[in-house]
Protein backbone atom coordinates (compact mmCIF):
# COMPACT_ATOMS: atom_id res chain seq x y z
CA MET A 1 17.29 39.62 55.18
CA THR A 2 17.02 36.95 57.87
CA ALA A 3 14.01 35.54 59.63
CA LEU A 4 14.73 37.72 62.65
CA ASP A 5 14.41 40.79 60.47
CA LEU A 6 10.74 39.86 60.12
CA VAL A 7 10.06 38.82 63.71
CA THR A 8 9.65 40.93 66.79
CA PRO A 9 12.24 40.44 69.55
CA ALA A 10 9.58 38.89 71.73
CA ALA A 11 9.05 36.16 69.18
CA ALA A 12 12.72 35.24 69.25
CA THR A 13 12.89 34.98 73.03
CA LYS A 14 9.51 33.53 73.97
CA PRO A 15 9.87 30.35 76.13
CA ALA A 16 9.76 26.99 74.38
CA ALA A 17 6.51 25.04 74.21
CA LEU A 18 5.81 21.94 72.19
CA SER A 19 2.23 21.27 73.19
CA GLN A 20 0.03 23.60 75.24
CA ARG A 21 -0.17 27.20 74.07
CA THR A 22 -2.59 30.03 74.62
CA LEU A 23 -5.24 30.49 71.96
CA GLY A 24 -4.55 32.73 68.99
CA LEU A 25 -1.42 33.19 66.92
CA ASP A 26 0.62 35.59 68.98
CA ASN A 27 4.26 36.18 67.98
CA ASP A 28 4.12 33.09 65.78
CA VAL A 29 6.42 32.54 62.81
CA LEU A 30 5.37 30.52 59.76
CA LEU A 31 8.33 29.31 57.71
CA ILE A 32 7.40 28.12 54.21
CA THR A 33 10.12 26.08 52.51
CA THR A 34 8.75 25.00 49.14
CA PRO A 35 9.94 25.01 45.51
CA ARG A 36 7.50 27.80 44.64
CA ARG A 37 6.82 30.98 46.60
CA PRO A 38 3.21 31.66 47.55
CA ALA A 39 1.73 34.75 45.93
CA GLN A 40 2.43 37.89 47.88
CA GLY A 41 -1.31 38.53 47.98
CA TRP A 42 -1.79 35.26 49.89
CA ILE A 43 0.98 36.13 52.35
CA ASP A 44 -0.47 39.62 52.92
CA ARG A 45 -3.95 38.19 53.49
CA ILE A 46 -2.73 35.58 55.96
CA GLU A 47 -0.74 38.12 57.95
CA ALA A 48 -3.80 40.39 58.03
CA LYS A 49 -6.07 37.51 59.08
CA PHE A 50 -3.69 36.44 61.87
CA PRO A 51 -2.08 39.68 63.11
CA GLY A 52 0.33 37.89 65.45
CA LEU A 53 1.75 35.74 62.64
CA ARG A 54 4.74 36.51 60.45
CA VAL A 55 5.36 34.59 57.23
CA ILE A 56 8.86 33.79 55.93
CA TYR A 57 9.64 32.06 52.64
CA ARG A 58 12.79 30.18 51.71
CA GLU A 59 13.19 28.39 48.37
CA LEU A 60 13.55 24.62 48.53
CA GLN A 61 15.28 22.61 45.80
CA TRP A 62 15.86 18.85 45.81
CA GLY A 63 14.90 18.62 49.46
CA ASN A 64 17.36 21.27 50.65
CA LEU A 65 17.23 24.98 51.24
CA LEU A 66 19.38 26.93 48.82
CA ALA A 67 22.66 27.91 50.42
CA ALA A 68 21.90 31.59 49.89
CA ASP A 69 18.61 31.18 51.74
CA ALA A 70 19.84 29.03 54.62
CA LEU A 71 18.51 30.05 58.01
CA SER A 72 20.71 30.72 61.03
CA ALA A 73 20.29 28.83 64.27
CA ASP A 74 18.57 31.87 65.77
CA ASP A 75 16.16 31.94 62.83
CA TRP A 76 15.19 28.30 63.33
CA ARG A 77 14.59 28.88 67.04
CA SER A 78 11.94 31.46 66.18
CA VAL A 79 9.84 29.16 63.95
CA THR A 80 6.51 27.91 65.34
CA VAL A 81 4.82 26.63 62.15
CA LEU A 82 6.60 24.95 59.25
CA LEU A 83 5.38 24.10 55.75
CA THR A 84 7.87 21.76 54.07
CA THR A 85 8.55 18.34 52.58
CA GLY A 86 9.09 15.21 54.62
CA SER A 87 12.70 15.01 53.48
CA SER A 88 13.78 18.46 54.69
CA LEU A 89 12.94 18.50 58.39
CA PRO A 90 15.38 19.76 61.02
CA LYS A 91 17.21 16.73 62.40
CA ASP A 92 17.45 17.86 66.01
CA PRO A 93 14.29 18.94 67.87
CA ALA A 94 16.45 21.25 69.97
CA GLU A 95 16.98 23.37 66.85
CA VAL A 96 13.27 24.31 66.78
CA PRO A 97 12.20 24.63 70.43
CA ARG A 98 9.11 26.72 69.60
CA LEU A 99 7.82 24.58 66.72
CA ARG A 100 4.32 23.27 67.31
CA TYR A 101 2.85 22.41 63.89
CA VAL A 102 4.41 20.97 60.72
CA GLN A 103 2.36 20.99 57.51
CA LEU A 104 3.69 18.49 55.01
CA LEU A 105 3.45 18.99 51.25
CA SER A 106 2.81 15.26 50.75
CA ALA A 107 -0.28 13.15 51.36
CA GLY A 108 1.87 10.44 52.94
CA ALA A 109 3.88 10.67 56.15
CA ASN A 110 6.20 7.71 55.57
CA LEU A 111 9.25 9.98 55.25
CA VAL A 112 8.76 11.53 58.70
CA ILE A 113 7.52 8.80 61.01
CA LYS A 114 11.03 7.75 62.03
CA GLU A 115 12.46 11.26 62.26
CA PRO A 116 13.32 12.58 65.77
CA LEU A 117 11.10 15.60 65.21
CA PHE A 118 8.17 13.16 64.95
CA THR A 119 9.20 10.40 67.36
CA ASP A 120 10.67 12.48 70.18
CA THR A 121 8.21 15.39 70.41
CA ASP A 122 4.50 16.08 70.51
CA ILE A 123 4.66 18.51 67.59
CA VAL A 124 1.54 18.14 65.46
CA PHE A 125 2.17 16.91 61.91
CA ALA A 126 -0.48 17.24 59.21
CA THR A 127 -0.45 15.89 55.67
CA ALA A 128 -1.68 17.33 52.40
CA ASN A 129 -4.28 14.60 52.15
CA GLY A 130 -7.07 15.73 49.87
CA VAL A 131 -5.10 17.79 47.37
CA HIS A 132 -4.50 14.85 45.01
CA GLY A 133 -8.00 13.50 44.44
CA PRO A 134 -8.87 15.15 41.11
CA GLN A 135 -5.59 14.69 39.27
CA ILE A 136 -4.71 11.20 40.55
CA SER A 137 -8.20 9.83 39.95
CA GLU A 138 -7.89 11.13 36.38
CA TRP A 139 -4.55 9.29 36.04
CA ILE A 140 -6.06 6.06 37.39
CA ILE A 141 -9.03 6.08 35.05
CA ALA A 142 -7.05 7.43 32.10
CA THR A 143 -4.42 4.67 32.25
CA PHE A 144 -7.07 1.99 32.79
CA LEU A 145 -9.07 3.15 29.76
CA THR A 146 -5.88 3.64 27.73
CA PHE A 147 -5.03 0.00 28.33
CA ASN A 148 -8.56 -1.27 27.65
CA HIS A 149 -8.78 0.65 24.38
CA GLN A 150 -5.27 -0.46 23.30
CA ILE A 151 -4.16 3.14 22.86
CA PRO A 152 -0.41 2.36 23.26
CA LYS A 153 -0.59 -0.09 20.33
CA TYR A 154 -2.41 2.40 18.14
CA LEU A 155 0.05 5.15 19.01
CA GLU A 156 2.88 2.92 17.84
CA GLN A 157 0.99 2.25 14.59
CA GLN A 158 0.46 5.98 14.19
CA LYS A 159 4.22 6.57 14.41
CA GLN A 160 4.64 4.01 11.62
CA GLY A 161 1.87 5.51 9.53
CA THR A 162 -0.09 2.24 9.66
CA TRP A 163 -3.89 1.97 9.59
CA LYS A 164 -4.74 -1.40 11.11
CA ARG A 165 -7.38 -2.62 13.52
CA ASN A 166 -6.19 -5.00 16.22
CA ASP A 167 -7.98 -8.30 16.57
CA THR A 168 -8.92 -7.78 20.23
CA VAL A 169 -12.26 -6.05 20.81
CA THR A 170 -12.42 -3.54 23.67
CA GLU A 171 -14.18 -4.51 26.87
CA ASP A 172 -15.68 -1.26 28.07
CA ALA A 173 -15.76 -0.37 31.77
CA LEU A 174 -19.52 -0.65 32.23
CA THR A 175 -20.35 -3.04 35.13
CA GLN A 176 -16.69 -3.82 35.81
CA LYS A 177 -15.75 -3.69 39.48
CA VAL A 178 -13.12 -1.38 40.92
CA GLY A 179 -11.71 -2.32 44.30
CA ILE A 180 -10.13 0.57 46.19
CA LEU A 181 -7.56 -0.49 48.76
CA GLY A 182 -7.55 2.50 51.11
CA TYR A 183 -10.71 4.60 50.83
CA GLY A 184 -9.25 8.03 51.49
CA SER A 185 -9.52 11.22 49.47
CA ILE A 186 -7.97 9.72 46.32
CA GLY A 187 -10.07 6.60 46.57
CA ARG A 188 -13.25 8.58 47.12
CA GLN A 189 -12.74 10.75 44.05
CA THR A 190 -11.80 7.66 42.01
CA ALA A 191 -15.07 6.09 43.16
CA ARG A 192 -17.00 9.15 41.97
CA VAL A 193 -15.39 9.06 38.52
CA ALA A 194 -15.65 5.27 38.19
CA THR A 195 -19.32 5.35 39.12
CA ALA A 196 -19.92 7.88 36.38
CA LEU A 197 -18.50 5.30 33.94
CA GLY A 198 -20.97 2.70 35.20
CA MET A 199 -18.45 0.75 37.26
CA GLU A 200 -19.25 -0.82 40.63
CA VAL A 201 -17.12 0.25 43.60
CA TYR A 202 -15.83 -1.94 46.44
CA ALA A 203 -14.02 -0.15 49.28
CA TYR A 204 -11.47 -1.53 51.72
CA THR A 205 -10.44 0.23 54.94
CA LEU A 206 -8.40 -0.91 57.91
CA HIS A 207 -11.14 -0.05 60.39
CA PRO A 208 -14.81 -1.06 59.95
CA ARG A 209 -17.22 1.36 58.32
CA ASP A 210 -20.49 -0.28 59.34
CA THR A 211 -22.64 2.82 59.85
CA PRO A 212 -23.46 5.84 57.68
CA GLU A 213 -21.66 8.09 60.16
CA SER A 214 -18.50 5.97 60.09
CA ARG A 215 -18.46 6.16 56.29
CA ARG A 216 -18.35 9.94 56.28
CA ASP A 217 -15.15 11.82 55.53
CA ASP A 218 -14.88 15.42 56.65
CA GLY A 219 -11.31 15.88 55.41
CA PHE A 220 -10.22 18.41 52.83
CA ALA A 221 -11.42 17.94 49.26
CA PRO A 222 -11.91 20.48 46.47
CA PRO A 223 -15.59 21.48 46.28
CA GLY A 224 -17.75 19.09 44.30
CA THR A 225 -15.29 16.20 44.48
CA GLY A 226 -14.89 13.02 46.47
CA ASP A 227 -17.42 11.01 48.40
CA PRO A 228 -17.93 12.80 51.73
CA GLU A 229 -20.99 10.72 52.62
CA GLY A 230 -19.49 7.38 51.56
CA ILE A 231 -22.34 6.64 49.15
CA TYR A 232 -20.51 5.17 46.16
CA PRO A 233 -19.25 1.76 47.38
CA THR A 234 -21.79 -1.02 47.05
CA LYS A 235 -19.64 -3.19 49.32
CA TRP A 236 -17.32 -2.31 52.20
CA PHE A 237 -14.50 -4.53 53.41
CA SER A 238 -12.23 -3.95 56.40
CA GLY A 239 -9.72 -5.58 58.70
CA GLY A 240 -6.02 -6.03 59.24
CA THR A 241 -5.61 -9.76 58.72
CA ARG A 242 -4.58 -11.65 55.61
CA ALA A 243 -7.99 -13.35 55.58
CA ASP A 244 -9.69 -9.93 55.60
CA ARG A 245 -7.60 -8.73 52.66
CA HIS A 246 -8.09 -11.94 50.71
CA ALA A 247 -11.86 -11.70 51.11
CA PHE A 248 -11.67 -8.29 49.46
CA LEU A 249 -9.20 -9.24 46.71
CA SER A 250 -11.18 -12.36 45.75
CA SER A 251 -14.52 -10.53 45.52
CA GLY A 252 -14.47 -10.20 41.72
CA ILE A 253 -12.32 -7.10 41.28
CA ASP A 254 -11.45 -6.08 37.71
CA LEU A 255 -9.43 -3.00 38.64
CA LEU A 256 -7.53 -2.84 41.93
CA VAL A 257 -6.51 0.68 42.97
CA VAL A 258 -3.71 0.69 45.54
CA ALA A 259 -4.24 3.86 47.57
CA THR A 260 -3.15 2.84 51.06
CA PRO A 261 -0.33 4.53 53.01
CA LEU A 262 3.09 2.87 53.19
CA THR A 263 3.76 1.59 56.71
CA ASP A 264 5.56 -1.41 58.16
CA ASP A 265 2.26 -3.29 57.97
CA THR A 266 1.59 -2.45 54.31
CA THR A 267 5.10 -3.10 52.98
CA HIS A 268 4.83 -6.03 50.52
CA LEU A 269 1.12 -6.23 51.31
CA LEU A 270 0.45 -7.53 47.79
CA GLY A 271 2.52 -10.54 46.77
CA ALA A 272 2.08 -13.45 44.39
CA GLU A 273 -0.75 -15.02 46.39
CA GLU A 274 -2.71 -11.77 46.53
CA LEU A 275 -2.28 -10.93 42.84
CA LYS A 276 -3.68 -14.33 41.85
CA LEU A 277 -6.95 -13.48 43.58
CA LEU A 278 -7.73 -10.53 41.33
CA GLY A 279 -10.16 -10.88 38.44
CA SER A 280 -13.80 -11.63 37.74
CA THR A 281 -16.05 -13.97 35.82
CA ARG A 282 -17.69 -12.70 32.64
CA ASP A 283 -21.31 -13.38 31.76
CA ASP A 284 -20.20 -16.19 29.44
CA GLY A 285 -18.43 -17.95 32.32
CA THR A 286 -14.87 -17.12 31.24
CA ARG A 287 -12.48 -15.41 33.63
CA ARG A 288 -11.27 -11.85 33.13
CA ALA A 289 -7.85 -11.30 34.73
CA GLY A 290 -7.46 -8.31 37.02
CA PHE A 291 -5.72 -4.99 36.34
CA LEU A 292 -3.59 -3.33 39.03
CA SER A 293 -3.12 0.42 39.45
CA ASN A 294 -0.61 1.63 42.05
CA ILE A 295 -0.49 5.34 42.86
CA ALA A 296 0.45 4.90 46.54
CA ARG A 297 4.01 3.68 47.14
CA GLY A 298 6.06 1.09 45.27
CA PRO A 299 6.99 -1.23 48.18
CA ILE A 300 3.33 -2.03 48.88
CA VAL A 301 3.52 -4.40 45.89
CA GLU A 302 6.23 -7.07 45.60
CA THR A 303 7.96 -6.16 42.35
CA ASP A 304 9.11 -9.67 41.39
CA ALA A 305 5.64 -11.07 42.03
CA LEU A 306 4.10 -8.33 39.89
CA ILE A 307 6.45 -9.02 36.99
CA GLU A 308 5.65 -12.72 37.12
CA ALA A 309 1.90 -12.09 37.31
CA LEU A 310 2.06 -9.86 34.23
CA ASP A 311 4.33 -12.11 32.19
CA LYS A 312 2.20 -15.20 32.95
CA GLY A 313 -1.11 -13.46 32.30
CA ILE A 314 -2.26 -13.75 35.92
CA LEU A 315 -2.87 -10.02 35.63
CA ARG A 316 -4.07 -8.62 32.33
CA GLY A 317 -2.17 -5.38 32.91
CA ALA A 318 -0.88 -2.82 35.37
CA ALA A 319 -0.36 0.93 35.59
CA LEU A 320 2.32 2.17 37.98
CA ASP A 321 3.12 5.71 38.98
CA VAL A 322 5.31 4.39 41.81
CA THR A 323 7.83 1.55 41.77
CA ASP A 324 10.15 -0.41 43.99
CA PRO A 325 12.94 0.56 43.60
CA GLU A 326 12.26 4.21 42.81
CA PRO A 327 13.47 5.81 40.65
CA LEU A 328 13.30 2.69 38.51
CA PRO A 329 16.83 2.08 37.17
CA ASP A 330 17.63 1.77 33.49
CA GLY A 331 17.46 -1.85 32.42
CA HIS A 332 15.31 -3.01 35.34
CA ARG A 333 13.14 -6.04 34.53
CA LEU A 334 9.97 -4.14 35.36
CA TRP A 335 10.43 -1.93 32.28
CA GLY A 336 10.05 -4.99 30.07
CA ALA A 337 7.08 -6.62 31.82
CA LYS A 338 4.08 -7.38 29.64
CA ASN A 339 1.12 -5.03 29.42
CA ILE A 340 2.46 -2.37 31.76
CA ILE A 341 2.22 1.43 31.83
CA ILE A 342 4.85 3.22 33.96
CA THR A 343 5.07 6.93 34.71
CA PRO A 344 7.73 8.59 36.94
CA HIS A 345 5.65 9.46 40.03
CA ILE A 346 3.82 12.33 38.35
CA SER A 347 0.14 11.46 38.88
CA GLY A 348 -0.18 13.94 41.75
CA LEU A 349 1.17 16.92 39.85
CA SER A 350 -1.33 19.68 39.16
CA THR A 351 -1.40 23.41 38.58
CA LYS A 352 -3.80 23.54 41.54
CA TYR A 353 -1.50 21.66 43.94
CA ASP A 354 0.00 24.64 45.78
CA GLU A 355 -3.37 26.36 46.01
CA ARG A 356 -4.89 23.32 47.71
CA VAL A 357 -1.99 22.85 50.15
CA LEU A 358 -2.22 26.50 51.17
CA ALA A 359 -5.97 26.05 51.73
CA ILE A 360 -5.23 23.20 54.17
CA LEU A 361 -2.55 25.30 55.85
CA GLU A 362 -4.89 28.29 56.23
CA ASP A 363 -7.64 26.13 57.68
CA ASN A 364 -5.20 24.59 60.16
CA LEU A 365 -3.86 27.99 61.17
CA GLN A 366 -7.42 28.96 62.05
CA ARG A 367 -7.86 25.71 63.97
CA LEU A 368 -4.58 26.34 65.78
CA SER A 369 -5.69 29.84 66.67
CA ASP A 370 -9.06 28.55 67.93
CA GLY A 371 -7.58 25.67 69.91
CA ARG A 372 -9.35 23.06 67.74
CA PRO A 373 -7.84 19.77 66.45
CA LEU A 374 -5.95 20.15 63.19
CA ALA A 375 -7.17 18.57 59.96
CA ASN A 376 -5.15 15.74 58.39
CA ARG A 377 -3.26 15.15 61.63
CA VAL A 378 -0.77 12.27 61.43
CA SER A 379 -1.46 9.53 63.96
CA ARG A 380 1.62 8.49 65.92
CA ARG A 381 -0.07 5.13 66.50
CA ASP A 382 -0.91 4.37 62.87
CA GLY A 383 1.89 6.30 61.12
CA TYR A 384 -0.45 8.17 58.75
């Protein structure tokens, strides 16, 4: 069965429009290309909620539609809404003349900002920002506490059947400062969890957040999570200059969470000079080196500078779920750096992931139908 089997003839021949449309979802076609098919109950409910909408699913593997499920050129011309990954967009905007909204599966838009479908049209792109907060904040805190409590060492001793206490006494997280570089949905949930541990939160954003209203975040977040009012940070930093960033990094941060989008401006944002600024002074006057956690994108941190900072003790440790290069090749020097935890870009995985993405999609379909701005819209100026 092809897409046109599920679409009325009017939908296939309706004139092209990339921007202005009448309100409602009339003869619209939603193409979902994801690794897992939404439940039929969800599809039935969405089609009942938006009577003019038809939903089509095609399985996506490794960024490509399966050959058996490939759509014809006529099928693509009928699509008005697309749920997909950033790596599997149509290359030529002429292939999708009726497309008006793309919902990405990822929280970042770095894979699409140079694609013709983004640069040469006014199609609205929206990210999955907000779906990752619970699971990634757990990864951030879990790896930080795992390091502090020397769990990797004890696991190795367990494998050897050895009962031995290490000489180093754990410094618990109470009163330590967590600096969150990029106070979005992940950062806000991390702040909530860190505050529960008794940590102090410093937030950094590109644009100033000087008023209670400016500190609000009305984006998607699972109920009971995040920091919608912006109440957890005790200090806010902002700005786009090196001096602005250095003021933040040198403010006594014990744990730096890298949660900013990857753009041209944030590539290699953290180099040797920046890593040296991390850390705080203990009550006894000695210095505690900083710990870095990167769950954003690998190129934000200069890899060679990170290795040197770890090996020389400038940083006391690091946890990386993203690397540069990625995947990290066998034998790369980063594998052997001191005091490092590396996982293969899995911190965002969750059994609730698809459910949350579909919630964003459903909300945006309602916004599209009502003529309201879409949530999580990607800015063509900022690239996220």
